[in-house]
Amino acid sequence: MPFILRNMTLRPGEDELLLRSLASQILGLSEEDLLQFRIARKGIDARRKSSIIFVYSVVFSVSTDLVPRLKNMAISSLEWVSEEPQPEFTHKKLKEPVVIVGMGPAGLFCALRLAEYGIKVTLIERGRAVEDRIVDVSRFWLDGILDPESNVQFGEGGAGTFSDGKLTCRLRDPNTDWVIDKLINFGAPLEIRFQAKPHIGSDRLRKVVTKIRSMLHESGSDTLFSARLTGLLVKKGTIYGAVYNANEELPCRHLVLAIGHSARDTYRLLLAQGLVMEPKPFAIGLRIEHPQALVDKIQYGKSHPALPSADYALTWNNAATGRSCYSFCMCPGGTVIGSSSEGGMVVTNGMSNLKRDSGYANSALVVNVRPDDFEGNDPVAGIRFQQKWERLAFEAGGGNYYAPAQNLLSFMKLGKGIPVSSYRPGTKEADLTTVLPDYLVGTLREGIRSFENRMKGFITVEATLTGVETRTSAPLRIIRDENCQSPAVAGLYPCGEGAGYAGGIISAALDGVRVADRIACQGR
C-alpha cells in the first residue's frame, strides 16, 4: 500500500539522497522500512529569495504490519494513497487497420494504445519524418524558404516537436502516468515523472518521436509521410475509407482525425464533407524576450548553479471588458522561432532544448479573443481572423518571413530602444500596433504594466516583442459525441488539440488514448 509524504525540503545543492533519511526521521522508522522509495514531485519555493528551497513529495510503501501504524500517525503531510483499479476494456478484433490522420501527440499515443490492444494502425502524415523535417525547418530559419507541407506545424511529432516540450497538464486523468511512462521508455528524461513543471526539450523530443515510430513498425503498424488527407469515403453516414494525395485510397472502418490546430485546408475539407464544427475562443498576441539572467535575478534574487533557468506564469484580467492578458508557452533558456505554415504569413513561437541554456527567456503574451470578434459566424471564421493578422505581420516584417519586432519600451510608449531578438529567420523593426487589433494592444499594455508590479524589472529596455503569436489553440471544435465519434459520420473520431479537445502535449496524448480506448471497446 503506497503512502505519500509531502512538503519535504532541501536547499539548493543538497543531495536528494538525503530525502530517504529525512523521511525516516519524520516517520520514526528506519530507512530500510521505506520500500520502493521514490520522488513523486519536485518544485521550487522562491517566495523568500534569501532562502530558496526545493520542495518534494515522496512515495513509498511499508510492510503490512507497519501499515496500521502509519495510518494512525498524526502527520498532516502524510497520506495513504488508495490505488484505484484501472478500467478494463474488452476489445474486439478489427477487420482493417485503424487509419490515424496526423502524427502529433494525439495521433502517436492513440496508435501506441491501439498497439497494446493488438490493433494495427496506418498513420498518414502530410509532413515528413523528423530527420527530413529538421532539414526543411532549418532551411526556412536560415534562408526564409518555406515548405508548406513540412515545417514547424506539419510533420512527424506535430507542432510540439519544435517547442519547449512542456508536459504540464491540469487534467486529473488515470492515464497520465501511462503517457509519462511511455515517454520515459522512449528516451525522455526520468525527471519528468516528478518535476512540478516537467519538460523534455525540443532536441530530446525529436529522438523520442523516432523511437515511437520504430516501436509502431515493430508492432505491425505502418506510417505514410507526405500523405495529405484529401477526402473521406462515406456511405450511408459511415466511414469506409480515406483518400490522400487526391487519388490514393485507404480502406478503413475507423478513422481518427488528429490533424493539429494548423491544418486549415483540412478543416475546410471536413466542413465541405458535412462534419459539424463550431468556432471557439482562443488567444493571440506577441512573444516577449528577456535575457535569462534578468529573469533569474527577478525570480531568485541571486543565481545558484543548482537552480534551473527561472520561468514565470503571469495573468491579468480586465473585469470591465472580460479580456485577459497572460503569458503562454514560456520557454526559459530558449529561442523565438518562425512557425509559418502558409505562404505570405508570419507566425511566432518559442522553443528550448533540454538544457535551456540559450541565455534568453521568451514567452507569448496573449489576449483572449471570442467568436464575436471574428468576421462572420461560420466555423472557419476564426481561421480567417488568424490569417488577417499573420498577413499584416508578414508585410510589416518586410515580406521575407522576417518578423516585425519592437523594443518593449517603445511599445509601451515609455522610451526608445533597439529590438534584439533570437527570432529566426530574422526581424525588422516595426510598430507592432499595426499587426494586432486595437483592443488587444490596449489589453496587452495594461497587462504588461500589471506584470511589472509582480516582477520588478519586467519592463526594461532589454526586452523585445515580436509578432504575431496566433496558434495558441485550435480556432474551432469538431463536434463529437460521448463515444468520441462525429455525429455526422460513424467511425470517424475527431481527436486532440486540432479537433478542439486538448491544449498541450499531455492533454493531446491523453485524448489520443481516450479515443483508442473507445475504438477498442466498440470494435466493428
Protein backbone atom coordinates (compact mmCIF):
# COMPACT_ATOMS: atom_id res chain seq x y z
CA MET A 1 0.00 0.00 0.00
CA PRO A 2 1.69 3.26 -1.06
CA PHE A 3 1.97 6.35 1.11
CA ILE A 4 2.87 9.86 0.08
CA LEU A 5 4.81 12.28 2.29
CA ARG A 6 4.62 15.90 1.19
CA ASN A 7 6.43 19.17 1.91
CA MET A 8 9.91 17.79 2.40
CA THR A 9 12.56 20.41 1.68
CA LEU A 10 16.19 20.64 0.63
CA ARG A 11 18.37 23.65 -0.02
CA PRO A 12 19.91 24.12 -3.47
CA GLY A 13 22.96 21.91 -3.71
CA GLU A 14 21.86 19.35 -1.11
CA ASP A 15 21.86 15.74 -2.30
CA GLU A 16 18.43 14.24 -2.96
CA LEU A 17 19.67 11.01 -1.40
CA LEU A 18 19.05 12.78 1.93
CA LEU A 19 15.29 12.55 1.37
CA ARG A 20 15.06 8.92 2.47
CA SER A 21 16.87 9.70 5.71
CA LEU A 22 14.70 12.77 6.35
CA ALA A 23 11.51 10.77 5.71
CA SER A 24 12.58 8.03 8.11
CA GLN A 25 13.23 10.63 10.83
CA ILE A 26 9.82 12.25 10.34
CA LEU A 27 8.06 8.87 10.48
CA GLY A 28 10.17 7.32 13.25
CA LEU A 29 11.11 4.40 11.04
CA SER A 30 14.37 3.05 9.72
CA GLU A 31 15.41 3.78 6.16
CA GLU A 32 15.08 0.05 5.44
CA ASP A 33 11.38 0.22 6.40
CA LEU A 34 10.67 2.56 3.46
CA LEU A 35 10.21 0.31 0.46
CA GLN A 36 10.04 1.36 -3.22
CA PHE A 37 11.00 4.88 -2.15
CA ARG A 38 10.93 7.46 -4.95
CA ILE A 39 10.39 11.14 -5.60
CA ALA A 40 6.82 11.86 -6.70
CA ARG A 41 7.07 15.62 -7.15
CA LYS A 42 9.73 18.31 -7.08
CA GLY A 43 9.13 22.04 -7.14
CA ILE A 44 10.82 25.29 -6.18
CA ASP A 45 9.69 27.71 -3.46
CA ALA A 46 11.28 31.06 -4.29
CA ARG A 47 8.94 33.27 -2.28
CA ARG A 48 11.77 34.09 0.13
CA LYS A 49 14.65 34.92 -2.16
CA SER A 50 17.10 34.80 0.74
CA SER A 51 16.12 31.20 1.40
CA ILE A 52 15.07 29.42 -1.81
CA ILE A 53 14.25 25.75 -1.28
CA PHE A 54 13.28 22.69 -3.28
CA VAL A 55 10.00 21.13 -2.11
CA TYR A 56 9.42 17.40 -2.54
CA SER A 57 6.72 14.81 -2.22
CA VAL A 58 7.93 11.22 -1.92
CA VAL A 59 6.08 7.94 -2.39
CA PHE A 60 6.92 4.72 -0.59
CA SER A 61 5.38 1.54 0.77
CA VAL A 62 5.93 -0.37 4.01
CA SER A 63 5.43 -3.93 5.16
CA THR A 64 1.88 -4.97 6.03
CA ASP A 65 2.49 -4.87 9.80
CA LEU A 66 3.54 -1.20 9.64
CA VAL A 67 0.52 0.00 7.65
CA PRO A 68 -1.80 0.49 10.69
CA ARG A 69 0.93 2.44 12.49
CA LEU A 70 1.37 4.87 9.61
CA LYS A 71 -2.38 5.27 9.09
CA ASN A 72 -2.73 6.35 12.72
CA MET A 73 0.11 8.89 12.64
CA ALA A 74 -0.99 12.50 13.22
CA ILE A 75 1.18 13.91 10.43
CA SER A 76 -0.74 16.25 8.16
CA SER A 77 1.73 15.86 5.29
CA LEU A 78 1.40 12.04 5.30
CA GLU A 79 -1.31 10.48 3.17
CA TRP A 80 -2.26 6.92 2.33
CA VAL A 81 -2.79 6.53 -1.40
CA SER A 82 -5.67 4.30 -2.37
CA GLU A 83 -4.84 2.51 -5.58
CA GLU A 84 -7.82 2.64 -7.90
CA PRO A 85 -8.15 -0.21 -10.39
CA GLN A 86 -7.65 0.82 -14.00
CA PRO A 87 -10.71 0.40 -16.24
CA GLU A 88 -10.57 -2.67 -18.43
CA PHE A 89 -11.80 -2.78 -21.99
CA THR A 90 -12.88 -5.93 -23.72
CA HIS A 91 -11.57 -5.15 -27.16
CA LYS A 92 -12.74 -6.76 -30.33
CA LYS A 93 -10.81 -7.78 -33.39
CA LEU A 94 -10.95 -5.28 -36.23
CA LYS A 95 -11.14 -6.31 -39.87
CA GLU A 96 -8.91 -3.49 -41.09
CA PRO A 97 -6.21 -1.26 -39.60
CA VAL A 98 -7.35 1.95 -37.95
CA VAL A 99 -6.33 4.98 -40.01
CA ILE A 100 -4.94 7.87 -37.97
CA VAL A 101 -4.53 11.23 -39.69
CA GLY A 102 -1.72 13.19 -38.07
CA MET A 103 1.40 12.17 -36.15
CA GLY A 104 1.36 14.69 -33.31
CA PRO A 105 0.93 13.60 -29.66
CA ALA A 106 -2.74 12.69 -30.11
CA GLY A 107 -2.13 10.52 -33.17
CA LEU A 108 1.03 8.87 -31.86
CA PHE A 109 -0.41 7.97 -28.46
CA CYS A 110 -3.65 6.78 -30.00
CA ALA A 111 -1.52 4.46 -32.14
CA LEU A 112 0.55 3.29 -29.16
CA ARG A 113 -2.56 2.47 -27.16
CA LEU A 114 -4.12 0.59 -30.05
CA ALA A 115 -0.89 -1.34 -30.49
CA GLU A 116 -1.21 -2.54 -26.89
CA TYR A 117 -4.61 -3.93 -27.80
CA GLY A 118 -3.04 -5.74 -30.73
CA ILE A 119 -4.79 -3.46 -33.22
CA LYS A 120 -2.80 -2.43 -36.28
CA VAL A 121 -2.72 1.16 -37.41
CA THR A 122 -1.86 3.10 -40.54
CA LEU A 123 -0.74 6.65 -39.73
CA ILE A 124 -0.76 9.23 -42.50
CA GLU A 125 1.12 12.49 -42.05
CA ARG A 126 1.13 15.36 -44.53
CA GLY A 127 4.61 16.40 -43.40
CA ARG A 128 7.86 14.48 -43.38
CA ALA A 129 9.72 12.27 -40.92
CA VAL A 130 11.62 14.08 -38.17
CA GLU A 131 15.07 13.66 -39.73
CA ASP A 132 13.83 15.17 -43.03
CA ARG A 133 11.63 17.72 -41.34
CA ILE A 134 14.60 19.16 -39.44
CA VAL A 135 16.28 19.92 -42.78
CA ASP A 136 13.16 21.68 -44.09
CA VAL A 137 12.72 23.76 -40.93
CA SER A 138 16.40 24.69 -40.83
CA ARG A 139 16.19 25.88 -44.44
CA PHE A 140 13.28 28.12 -43.51
CA TRP A 141 15.04 29.55 -40.47
CA LEU A 142 18.29 30.16 -42.36
CA ASP A 143 17.07 31.24 -45.79
CA GLY A 144 13.35 32.03 -45.42
CA ILE A 145 12.37 29.21 -47.81
CA LEU A 146 9.05 27.80 -46.57
CA ASP A 147 7.81 24.31 -47.37
CA PRO A 148 4.03 24.50 -46.74
CA GLU A 149 3.87 20.72 -46.18
CA SER A 150 6.93 20.29 -43.92
CA ASN A 151 7.53 22.99 -41.33
CA VAL A 152 7.20 23.80 -37.63
CA GLN A 153 3.49 22.98 -37.73
CA PHE A 154 3.41 19.92 -40.03
CA GLY A 155 5.43 16.73 -39.80
CA GLU A 156 6.22 13.82 -37.53
CA GLY A 157 5.72 14.74 -33.88
CA GLY A 158 3.42 17.67 -34.61
CA ALA A 159 3.99 21.28 -33.61
CA GLY A 160 5.35 20.17 -30.23
CA THR A 161 8.48 18.78 -31.88
CA PHE A 162 9.71 22.36 -32.27
CA SER A 163 8.74 23.69 -28.85
CA ASP A 164 9.87 23.50 -25.25
CA GLY A 165 8.36 20.05 -24.88
CA LYS A 166 6.43 21.15 -21.77
CA LEU A 167 4.37 18.43 -20.15
CA THR A 168 2.22 20.44 -17.76
CA CYS A 169 -1.40 19.37 -17.67
CA ARG A 170 -4.25 20.26 -15.34
CA LEU A 171 -6.30 17.17 -16.15
CA ARG A 172 -6.66 14.54 -13.44
CA ASP A 173 -6.63 11.51 -15.69
CA PRO A 174 -5.68 7.99 -14.61
CA ASN A 175 -3.83 7.53 -17.91
CA THR A 176 -1.38 10.37 -17.24
CA ASP A 177 1.17 8.04 -15.64
CA TRP A 178 0.82 5.68 -18.61
CA VAL A 179 1.69 8.50 -21.01
CA ILE A 180 4.62 9.70 -18.87
CA ASP A 181 5.98 6.17 -18.55
CA LYS A 182 5.80 5.71 -22.31
CA LEU A 183 7.72 8.95 -22.89
CA ILE A 184 10.43 7.83 -20.46
CA ASN A 185 10.62 4.40 -22.08
CA PHE A 186 11.22 6.10 -25.42
CA GLY A 187 14.01 8.30 -24.09
CA ALA A 188 12.51 11.27 -22.22
CA PRO A 189 14.37 12.28 -19.02
CA LEU A 190 13.40 10.28 -15.92
CA GLU A 191 12.83 13.56 -14.07
CA ILE A 192 9.61 14.27 -15.97
CA ARG A 193 7.92 11.77 -13.67
CA PHE A 194 8.22 14.08 -10.65
CA GLN A 195 9.11 17.61 -11.75
CA ALA A 196 6.43 20.19 -10.92
CA LYS A 197 6.96 21.71 -14.37
CA PRO A 198 8.32 18.85 -16.48
CA HIS A 199 9.69 19.34 -19.96
CA ILE A 200 11.54 17.22 -22.49
CA GLY A 201 13.19 19.85 -24.68
CA SER A 202 12.92 20.02 -28.44
CA ASP A 203 16.25 18.24 -29.01
CA ARG A 204 15.32 15.22 -26.86
CA LEU A 205 11.70 15.13 -28.06
CA ARG A 206 12.80 14.51 -31.65
CA LYS A 207 14.64 11.36 -30.55
CA VAL A 208 11.59 10.20 -28.57
CA VAL A 209 9.37 10.56 -31.64
CA THR A 210 11.63 8.46 -33.87
CA LYS A 211 11.69 5.67 -31.26
CA ILE A 212 7.89 5.69 -31.13
CA ARG A 213 7.83 5.26 -34.90
CA SER A 214 10.22 2.30 -34.66
CA MET A 215 8.10 0.62 -32.00
CA LEU A 216 4.92 1.06 -34.06
CA HIS A 217 6.61 -0.51 -37.07
CA GLU A 218 7.69 -3.45 -34.92
CA SER A 219 4.07 -3.93 -33.82
CA GLY A 220 2.94 -4.22 -37.44
CA SER A 221 1.65 -0.69 -37.95
CA ASP A 222 2.57 1.50 -40.91
CA THR A 223 3.42 5.17 -41.41
CA LEU A 224 2.95 7.17 -44.60
CA PHE A 225 4.69 10.55 -44.84
CA SER A 226 3.97 13.32 -47.35
CA ALA A 227 0.41 11.97 -47.35
CA ARG A 228 -2.18 14.74 -47.01
CA LEU A 229 -5.82 13.84 -46.36
CA THR A 230 -7.85 15.00 -49.36
CA GLY A 231 -11.14 13.16 -48.96
CA LEU A 232 -13.35 10.86 -46.91
CA LEU A 233 -15.15 7.83 -48.30
CA VAL A 234 -18.57 7.75 -46.66
CA LYS A 235 -21.57 5.56 -47.37
CA LYS A 236 -24.90 5.82 -45.55
CA GLY A 237 -23.33 8.03 -42.90
CA THR A 238 -20.48 5.61 -42.16
CA ILE A 239 -16.79 5.90 -42.96
CA TYR A 240 -15.32 3.22 -45.20
CA GLY A 241 -12.09 4.83 -46.35
CA ALA A 242 -9.78 7.81 -46.63
CA VAL A 243 -8.30 9.49 -49.68
CA TYR A 244 -4.85 11.05 -49.53
CA ASN A 245 -2.87 12.99 -52.13
CA ALA A 246 -6.02 13.24 -54.28
CA ASN A 247 -6.04 9.69 -55.66
CA GLU A 248 -4.65 7.24 -53.10
CA GLU A 249 -7.25 5.32 -51.06
CA LEU A 250 -7.03 3.57 -47.70
CA PRO A 251 -9.95 1.36 -46.66
CA CYS A 252 -10.94 1.71 -43.01
CA ARG A 253 -13.86 1.44 -40.66
CA HIS A 254 -12.28 3.65 -38.04
CA LEU A 255 -10.57 6.94 -38.88
CA VAL A 256 -9.01 9.18 -36.21
CA LEU A 257 -8.69 12.88 -37.06
CA ALA A 258 -5.64 14.04 -35.10
CA ILE A 259 -4.83 16.81 -37.56
CA GLY A 260 -3.38 19.54 -35.32
CA HIS A 261 -4.52 23.15 -34.96
CA SER A 262 -2.96 24.49 -38.16
CA ALA A 263 -4.43 22.16 -40.81
CA ARG A 264 -6.64 24.89 -42.21
CA ASP A 265 -7.20 23.30 -45.59
CA THR A 266 -8.21 20.06 -43.87
CA TYR A 267 -10.74 21.91 -41.73
CA ARG A 268 -12.34 23.28 -44.89
CA LEU A 269 -12.33 19.85 -46.49
CA LEU A 270 -14.09 18.33 -43.47
CA LEU A 271 -16.63 21.14 -43.40
CA ALA A 272 -17.41 20.52 -47.07
CA GLN A 273 -17.91 16.83 -46.31
CA GLY A 274 -20.57 17.59 -43.73
CA LEU A 275 -18.75 17.36 -40.40
CA VAL A 276 -20.28 19.50 -37.69
CA MET A 277 -17.98 22.24 -36.38
CA GLU A 278 -18.23 25.39 -34.33
CA PRO A 279 -15.91 28.36 -33.81
CA LYS A 280 -14.29 28.58 -30.38
CA PRO A 281 -12.33 31.13 -28.36
CA PHE A 282 -8.54 31.18 -28.43
CA ALA A 283 -5.85 33.83 -27.87
CA ILE A 284 -3.42 35.87 -29.94
CA GLY A 285 -0.67 38.34 -29.15
CA LEU A 286 3.09 38.82 -29.26
CA ARG A 287 6.16 36.99 -27.98
CA ILE A 288 8.40 38.75 -25.45
CA GLU A 289 12.07 38.01 -24.91
CA HIS A 290 14.33 38.94 -21.97
CA PRO A 291 17.88 37.97 -21.07
CA GLN A 292 17.59 34.82 -18.97
CA ALA A 293 19.93 36.30 -16.36
CA LEU A 294 17.45 39.13 -15.82
CA VAL A 295 14.54 36.74 -15.30
CA ASP A 296 16.71 34.66 -12.93
CA LYS A 297 17.53 37.78 -10.92
CA ILE A 298 13.88 38.83 -10.72
CA GLN A 299 12.67 35.39 -9.65
CA TYR A 300 15.56 34.17 -7.49
CA GLY A 301 17.34 37.34 -6.35
CA LYS A 302 20.67 35.62 -6.89
CA SER A 303 21.91 32.79 -9.05
CA HIS A 304 22.86 29.32 -7.85
CA PRO A 305 24.22 26.52 -10.06
CA ALA A 306 21.64 24.09 -8.63
CA LEU A 307 18.70 26.28 -9.66
CA PRO A 308 17.18 25.81 -13.12
CA SER A 309 16.61 28.67 -15.54
CA ALA A 310 13.75 30.65 -13.99
CA ASP A 311 10.32 30.80 -15.58
CA TYR A 312 7.15 32.75 -14.85
CA ALA A 313 3.39 32.49 -15.24
CA LEU A 314 1.52 35.80 -15.33
CA THR A 315 -2.14 36.70 -15.73
CA TRP A 316 -4.06 39.96 -15.67
CA ASN A 317 -7.80 40.32 -16.15
CA ASN A 318 -9.83 43.36 -17.17
CA ALA A 319 -13.19 42.74 -15.48
CA ALA A 320 -14.84 45.53 -17.48
CA THR A 321 -14.07 44.01 -20.89
CA GLY A 322 -13.79 40.36 -19.96
CA ARG A 323 -10.39 40.17 -21.64
CA SER A 324 -7.31 38.68 -20.03
CA CYS A 325 -3.64 39.11 -20.82
CA TYR A 326 -1.47 36.17 -19.85
CA SER A 327 1.86 34.52 -20.50
CA PHE A 328 1.69 31.37 -22.59
CA CYS A 329 4.23 28.71 -23.54
CA MET A 330 7.02 30.32 -21.51
CA CYS A 331 10.42 28.99 -22.64
CA PRO A 332 13.33 29.53 -20.21
CA GLY A 333 16.69 29.45 -21.91
CA GLY A 334 15.02 29.23 -25.31
CA THR A 335 14.74 30.96 -28.66
CA VAL A 336 11.96 32.63 -30.62
CA ILE A 337 11.25 30.88 -33.90
CA GLY A 338 9.39 31.35 -37.15
CA SER A 339 6.41 28.98 -37.25
CA SER A 340 4.68 29.80 -40.51
CA SER A 341 2.85 27.08 -42.40
CA GLU A 342 1.30 29.16 -45.20
CA GLY A 343 2.89 31.43 -47.76
CA GLY A 344 2.78 35.17 -47.10
CA MET A 345 2.12 34.86 -43.35
CA VAL A 346 4.32 35.24 -40.26
CA VAL A 347 3.75 33.29 -37.04
CA THR A 348 5.96 33.26 -33.95
CA ASN A 349 6.51 30.58 -31.35
CA GLY A 350 9.04 29.68 -28.66
CA MET A 351 11.39 26.71 -28.42
CA SER A 352 14.02 25.47 -25.98
CA ASN A 353 16.25 22.45 -25.71
CA LEU A 354 16.54 20.17 -22.69
CA LYS A 355 19.33 22.17 -21.03
CA ARG A 356 17.56 25.51 -21.55
CA ASP A 357 20.90 27.25 -21.90
CA SER A 358 20.43 29.77 -24.73
CA GLY A 359 20.84 32.76 -22.41
CA TYR A 360 17.41 34.16 -23.27
CA ALA A 361 13.89 33.65 -21.90
CA ASN A 362 10.81 34.08 -24.04
CA SER A 363 7.07 33.77 -23.63
CA ALA A 364 3.96 34.56 -25.58
CA LEU A 365 1.90 37.41 -24.13
CA VAL A 366 -1.60 36.84 -25.45
CA VAL A 367 -5.15 38.10 -25.06
CA ASN A 368 -8.30 36.02 -25.39
CA VAL A 369 -10.46 36.51 -28.46
CA ARG A 370 -14.03 35.30 -28.89
CA PRO A 371 -16.18 34.26 -31.85
CA ASP A 372 -17.94 37.62 -31.75
CA ASP A 373 -14.56 39.22 -32.59
CA PHE A 374 -14.44 37.36 -35.90
CA GLU A 375 -15.94 38.49 -39.19
CA GLY A 376 -18.80 36.08 -39.79
CA ASN A 377 -20.12 33.31 -37.59
CA ASP A 378 -19.26 30.26 -39.68
CA PRO A 379 -16.96 27.56 -38.24
CA VAL A 380 -13.83 28.79 -40.03
CA ALA A 381 -14.26 32.48 -39.12
CA GLY A 382 -11.50 32.12 -36.52
CA ILE A 383 -9.11 30.88 -39.20
CA ARG A 384 -9.75 33.98 -41.30
CA PHE A 385 -9.16 36.10 -38.20
CA GLN A 386 -5.77 34.44 -37.63
CA GLN A 387 -4.78 34.80 -41.27
CA LYS A 388 -5.58 38.51 -41.33
CA TRP A 389 -3.04 39.33 -38.62
CA GLU A 390 -0.47 36.86 -39.90
CA ARG A 391 -0.54 38.58 -43.32
CA LEU A 392 -0.13 42.00 -41.72
CA ALA A 393 2.84 40.68 -39.73
CA PHE A 394 4.39 39.32 -42.95
CA GLU A 395 4.06 42.73 -44.61
CA ALA A 396 5.38 44.60 -41.55
CA GLY A 397 8.37 42.26 -41.41
CA GLY A 398 9.37 43.07 -44.97
CA GLY A 399 7.73 40.29 -46.92
CA ASN A 400 10.53 37.75 -46.50
CA TYR A 401 9.29 35.89 -43.39
CA TYR A 402 11.18 38.20 -41.05
CA ALA A 403 9.04 39.04 -38.03
CA PRO A 404 8.13 42.60 -37.08
CA ALA A 405 9.85 43.43 -33.78
CA GLN A 406 9.77 46.33 -31.35
CA ASN A 407 11.62 47.21 -28.18
CA LEU A 408 9.33 46.85 -25.16
CA LEU A 409 9.86 50.45 -24.00
CA SER A 410 8.86 51.72 -27.43
CA PHE A 411 5.74 49.53 -27.49
CA MET A 412 4.78 50.79 -24.02
CA LYS A 413 5.44 54.43 -25.04
CA LEU A 414 7.99 54.72 -22.22
CA GLY A 415 11.13 55.36 -24.23
CA LYS A 416 13.19 54.00 -27.08
CA GLY A 417 15.40 51.03 -27.64
CA ILE A 418 16.70 48.73 -30.33
CA PRO A 419 14.87 45.39 -30.67
CA VAL A 420 17.22 42.45 -30.12
CA SER A 421 15.73 39.02 -30.77
CA SER A 422 16.81 35.42 -31.28
CA TYR A 423 13.96 35.02 -33.79
CA ARG A 424 14.76 33.04 -36.90
CA PRO A 425 14.78 33.76 -39.85
CA GLY A 426 15.24 37.38 -38.62
CA THR A 427 13.41 40.56 -37.56
CA LYS A 428 12.62 44.00 -38.87
CA GLU A 429 11.87 46.89 -36.54
CA ALA A 430 8.21 47.85 -36.84
CA ASP A 431 5.28 49.36 -34.97
CA LEU A 432 3.51 46.31 -33.54
CA THR A 433 0.28 48.22 -33.02
CA THR A 434 -0.27 47.77 -36.77
CA VAL A 435 -0.37 43.97 -36.62
CA LEU A 436 -2.98 43.48 -33.89
CA PRO A 437 -6.50 44.78 -33.19
CA ASP A 438 -6.60 47.99 -31.11
CA TYR A 439 -8.43 46.28 -28.25
CA LEU A 440 -5.67 43.66 -28.00
CA VAL A 441 -2.94 46.30 -27.99
CA GLY A 442 -4.65 48.12 -25.12
CA THR A 443 -5.12 44.94 -23.12
CA LEU A 444 -1.51 43.92 -23.71
CA ARG A 445 -0.23 47.25 -22.42
CA GLU A 446 -2.43 47.08 -19.35
CA GLY A 447 -1.35 43.52 -18.68
CA ILE A 448 2.35 44.31 -19.07
CA ARG A 449 2.04 47.17 -16.57
CA SER A 450 0.47 44.70 -14.14
CA PHE A 451 3.26 42.20 -14.76
CA GLU A 452 5.83 44.87 -13.86
CA ASN A 453 4.16 45.20 -10.45
CA ARG A 454 4.59 41.47 -9.86
CA MET A 455 8.04 41.14 -11.46
CA LYS A 456 10.02 44.35 -10.91
CA GLY A 457 12.24 44.79 -13.93
CA PHE A 458 9.89 43.08 -16.40
CA ILE A 459 9.53 46.37 -18.29
CA THR A 460 13.07 47.06 -19.47
CA VAL A 461 14.99 48.31 -22.48
CA GLU A 462 16.49 44.80 -22.63
CA ALA A 463 13.15 43.26 -23.65
CA THR A 464 11.92 42.80 -27.22
CA LEU A 465 8.50 41.94 -28.63
CA THR A 466 7.96 40.06 -31.91
CA GLY A 467 4.71 39.37 -33.69
CA VAL A 468 2.44 37.68 -34.15
CA GLU A 469 1.52 34.72 -31.93
CA THR A 470 -1.73 33.27 -33.26
CA ARG A 471 -1.55 29.46 -32.92
CA THR A 472 -2.21 29.14 -29.18
CA SER A 473 -5.00 26.62 -29.75
CA ALA A 474 -7.47 25.48 -32.37
CA PRO A 475 -9.82 28.22 -33.64
CA LEU A 476 -12.71 25.75 -33.89
CA ARG A 477 -14.05 22.50 -32.46
CA ILE A 478 -15.07 19.44 -34.47
CA ILE A 479 -18.14 18.13 -32.68
CA ARG A 480 -18.13 14.56 -31.37
CA ASP A 481 -20.46 12.52 -29.17
CA GLU A 482 -19.89 10.69 -25.87
CA ASN A 483 -18.20 7.86 -27.79
CA CYS A 484 -15.79 10.35 -29.38
CA GLN A 485 -17.36 9.88 -32.82
CA SER A 486 -18.60 12.52 -35.19
CA PRO A 487 -22.41 12.60 -35.13
CA ALA A 488 -22.29 13.16 -38.90
CA VAL A 489 -20.03 10.21 -39.82
CA ALA A 490 -19.98 6.96 -37.83
CA GLY A 491 -16.48 5.58 -37.33
CA LEU A 492 -14.82 9.00 -37.60
CA TYR A 493 -13.13 10.23 -34.39
CA PRO A 494 -12.11 13.90 -34.02
CA CYS A 495 -9.16 13.88 -31.64
CA GLY A 496 -6.62 16.06 -29.89
CA GLU A 497 -5.77 19.73 -30.00
CA GLY A 498 -6.68 20.25 -33.63
CA ALA A 499 -10.19 18.95 -33.00
CA GLY A 500 -10.58 21.29 -30.03
CA TYR A 501 -10.27 18.70 -27.23
CA ALA A 502 -6.76 19.34 -25.86
CA GLY A 503 -4.29 22.12 -25.17
CA GLY A 504 -0.78 20.71 -24.98
CA ILE A 505 1.36 17.60 -25.38
CA ILE A 506 0.00 15.64 -22.43
CA SER A 507 -3.66 16.56 -22.84
CA ALA A 508 -3.44 15.76 -26.57
CA ALA A 509 -1.79 12.40 -25.82
CA LEU A 510 -4.49 11.64 -23.24
CA ASP A 511 -7.20 12.40 -25.78
CA GLY A 512 -5.50 10.03 -28.20
CA VAL A 513 -5.59 7.33 -25.51
CA ARG A 514 -9.24 8.10 -24.80
CA VAL A 515 -10.18 7.68 -28.46
CA ALA A 516 -8.15 4.45 -28.75
CA ASP A 517 -10.00 3.00 -25.76
CA ARG A 518 -13.34 3.83 -27.36
CA ILE A 519 -12.34 2.17 -30.63
CA ALA A 520 -11.04 -0.94 -28.85
CA CYS A 521 -14.17 -1.16 -26.72
CA GLN A 522 -16.65 -0.72 -29.54
CA GLY A 523 -14.98 -2.70 -32.30
CA ARG A 524 -16.60 -3.08 -35.72
